[in-house]
Protein backbone atom coordinates (compact mmCIF):
# COMPACT_ATOMS: atom_id res chain seq x y z
CA MET A 1 247.38 -4.14 6.43
CA LYS A 2 247.17 -0.89 4.48
CA LYS A 3 243.83 -0.05 6.15
CA LEU A 4 245.35 -0.59 9.59
CA SER A 5 248.28 1.73 8.85
CA SER A 6 245.85 4.39 7.56
CA ILE A 7 243.78 4.13 10.74
CA VAL A 8 246.91 4.39 12.91
CA ALA A 9 248.09 7.40 10.87
CA LEU A 10 244.74 9.16 11.35
CA ALA A 11 244.47 8.42 15.08
CA PRO A 12 246.24 11.63 16.22
CA LEU A 13 243.92 13.71 14.01
CA LEU A 14 240.86 12.04 15.51
CA VAL A 15 242.16 12.74 19.02
CA VAL A 16 242.55 16.41 18.08
CA LEU A 17 239.12 16.70 16.50
CA LEU A 18 237.31 14.83 19.25
CA GLY A 19 239.27 16.54 22.02
CA VAL A 20 238.36 20.10 21.02
CA PRO A 21 235.27 21.38 22.85
CA ALA A 22 232.27 22.38 20.77
CA GLN A 23 232.07 26.08 20.11
CA ALA A 24 229.15 28.23 21.16
CA ASP A 25 226.61 29.05 18.48
CA ASP A 26 226.68 32.45 16.85
CA VAL A 27 224.32 34.93 18.47
CA LYS A 28 222.59 37.56 16.35
CA ALA A 29 221.51 40.91 17.80
CA GLY A 30 220.28 43.52 15.36
CA ASP A 31 223.05 43.93 12.77
CA LEU A 32 225.62 42.26 15.03
CA VAL A 33 226.81 38.65 14.94
CA ILE A 34 228.65 37.49 18.07
CA SER A 35 230.74 34.33 17.85
CA GLN A 36 233.51 32.40 19.63
CA ALA A 37 232.48 33.53 23.14
CA TRP A 38 234.84 32.01 25.70
CA SER A 39 236.75 32.49 28.94
CA ARG A 40 239.57 30.75 30.79
CA ALA A 41 239.28 28.52 33.83
CA THR A 42 240.31 30.31 37.02
CA PRO A 43 242.14 29.03 40.09
CA SER A 44 240.20 28.65 43.32
CA GLY A 45 239.94 32.00 45.09
CA ALA A 46 240.42 34.11 41.94
CA LYS A 47 238.27 37.21 41.98
CA VAL A 48 238.65 38.26 38.32
CA ALA A 49 238.35 36.63 34.91
CA GLY A 50 238.42 37.72 31.29
CA GLY A 51 235.86 37.08 28.59
CA TYR A 52 236.61 36.95 24.88
CA LEU A 53 234.51 36.92 21.72
CA THR A 54 234.22 38.18 18.17
CA ILE A 55 231.65 40.80 17.12
CA GLU A 56 230.84 41.41 13.45
CA ASN A 57 228.74 44.42 12.41
CA LYS A 58 226.84 43.50 9.23
CA GLY A 59 224.89 46.76 9.25
CA SER A 60 225.45 50.23 7.82
CA ALA A 61 225.74 52.08 11.15
CA PRO A 62 228.17 51.72 14.06
CA ASP A 63 227.13 50.13 17.34
CA ARG A 64 228.88 50.21 20.68
CA LEU A 65 229.45 47.54 23.35
CA VAL A 66 228.88 49.54 26.52
CA GLY A 67 228.91 46.89 29.26
CA GLY A 68 227.29 43.80 30.58
CA ALA A 69 226.40 41.68 33.57
CA GLY A 70 226.34 38.08 34.70
CA ASP A 71 225.40 36.11 37.77
CA VAL A 72 228.96 34.75 37.93
CA ALA A 73 230.45 38.16 38.79
CA GLY A 74 229.64 41.27 40.77
CA LYS A 75 230.60 43.51 37.85
CA LEU A 76 231.42 43.17 34.13
CA GLU A 77 233.28 45.88 32.21
CA VAL A 78 234.72 46.33 28.72
CA HIS A 79 238.52 46.72 28.94
CA GLU A 80 241.50 47.33 26.71
CA MET A 81 245.04 46.09 27.26
CA THR A 82 247.89 47.94 25.55
CA THR A 83 251.67 48.05 25.76
CA GLU A 84 253.29 51.47 26.11
CA ASN A 85 257.08 51.78 26.38
CA GLY A 86 257.31 48.07 27.24
CA VAL A 87 254.72 48.34 30.03
CA MET A 88 251.36 46.55 29.75
CA LYS A 89 248.43 48.72 30.77
CA MET A 90 244.80 47.79 31.23
CA ARG A 91 241.95 50.25 31.40
CA ALA A 92 238.17 50.26 31.33
CA LEU A 93 236.64 51.71 28.16
CA GLU A 94 234.33 54.20 29.82
CA GLN A 95 232.66 55.09 26.50
CA GLY A 96 232.45 51.46 25.40
CA LEU A 97 233.88 49.75 22.32
CA VAL A 98 232.72 50.89 18.88
CA ILE A 99 231.99 48.25 16.25
CA GLU A 100 232.10 50.04 12.90
CA PRO A 101 229.76 48.96 10.08
CA GLY A 102 231.19 46.18 7.93
CA LYS A 103 233.96 45.52 10.48
CA THR A 104 234.77 42.71 12.91
CA VAL A 105 236.19 43.36 16.38
CA LYS A 106 237.90 40.53 18.23
CA LEU A 107 238.05 40.56 22.03
CA ALA A 108 241.08 38.39 22.83
CA PRO A 109 243.84 37.98 25.41
CA GLY A 110 246.21 40.95 25.31
CA GLY A 111 243.72 43.34 23.67
CA TYR A 112 240.06 44.25 24.09
CA HIS A 113 238.27 41.94 26.53
CA LEU A 114 235.45 41.64 29.04
CA MET A 115 236.64 41.96 32.63
CA MET A 116 234.58 40.15 35.24
CA PHE A 117 235.16 41.33 38.82
CA ASP A 118 234.20 39.79 42.16
CA LEU A 119 233.72 36.25 40.84
CA LYS A 120 231.26 34.32 42.95
CA ASN A 121 232.73 30.91 41.99
CA PRO A 122 235.80 29.74 40.08
CA LEU A 123 235.31 29.17 36.35
CA LYS A 124 235.91 25.50 35.53
CA GLN A 125 237.00 24.13 32.16
CA GLY A 126 233.97 22.80 30.29
CA ASP A 127 231.50 25.15 32.01
CA LYS A 128 229.23 27.51 30.09
CA VAL A 129 228.99 30.88 31.81
CA PRO A 130 225.91 32.96 30.90
CA VAL A 131 226.47 36.71 30.53
CA THR A 132 224.38 39.54 29.16
CA LEU A 133 226.15 42.11 27.01
CA GLU A 134 224.70 45.56 26.46
CA PHE A 135 224.99 47.37 23.14
CA GLU A 136 223.99 50.94 22.45
CA LYS A 137 221.74 50.00 19.48
CA ALA A 138 221.34 46.21 19.54
CA GLY A 139 220.35 46.31 23.23
CA LYS A 140 220.89 43.44 25.68
CA VAL A 141 222.19 40.15 24.35
CA THR A 142 222.48 36.97 26.42
CA LEU A 143 225.12 34.40 25.50
CA SER A 144 227.37 31.84 27.16
CA LEU A 145 231.14 31.92 27.52
CA ASP A 146 232.65 28.46 26.94
CA VAL A 147 235.28 28.00 29.67
CA GLN A 148 238.59 26.74 28.23
CA ALA A 149 241.75 25.58 29.99
CA VAL A 150 243.79 27.89 32.20
CA GLY A 151 246.15 29.80 29.89
CA ALA A 152 244.19 29.08 26.69
CA GLN A 153 244.82 31.66 23.96
CA ALA A 154 241.73 30.88 21.88
CA PRO A 155 238.64 28.68 21.96
CA GLY A 156 239.82 25.09 22.02
CA GLY A 157 243.35 26.27 22.87
CA GLY A 158 245.46 24.47 25.39
CA GLY A 159 243.97 21.09 24.42
CA HIS A 160 245.31 18.17 22.43
CA MET A 161 246.45 20.33 19.50
CA GLU A 162 248.67 22.46 21.73
CA MET A 163 250.19 19.36 23.32
CA MET A 164 250.86 17.86 19.90
CA LYS A 165 252.57 21.04 18.68
CA LYS A 166 254.87 20.96 21.71
CA SER A 167 255.60 17.23 21.51
CA PRO A 168 258.78 16.42 19.54
CA ASP A 169 257.32 12.99 18.64
CA HIS A 170 254.42 14.42 16.60
CA LYS A 171 254.92 16.12 13.26
CA MET A 172 252.21 18.39 11.94
């Protein structure tokens, strides 16, 4: 009986672990390591989407993310979102995004991000969207964005874990 109660107690954890999509592998380019590349699903007819990832510079010199491209969109730019006097503003980083040596830069909702314009098809949860990023020193790097749920805040976000946090019946 004790084994059965242990299995029942662990069931929610197994649902969480098995329900979270696998993360993309790290991609190495020169001194850079790119990880956690993802995007959000888009509604039908949407013409823009964001892309998010983490870039770590393990070298001794800065590099710069200057742009990118992908078959999924007509144009891909590096953007920054900021809040000034209570107003959110988004702008393209015309000079790119510097990744200082020994530092990690996170592209995430509400901050730095990739902006994909003129989407050719909606992004669907579970898809892998190939894009090519261009760095000043590391050159062109191809990777895939793992498409998460609409409204996800991080890779794997919006899945079972989020539902469990919101459910009053589950204690974490």
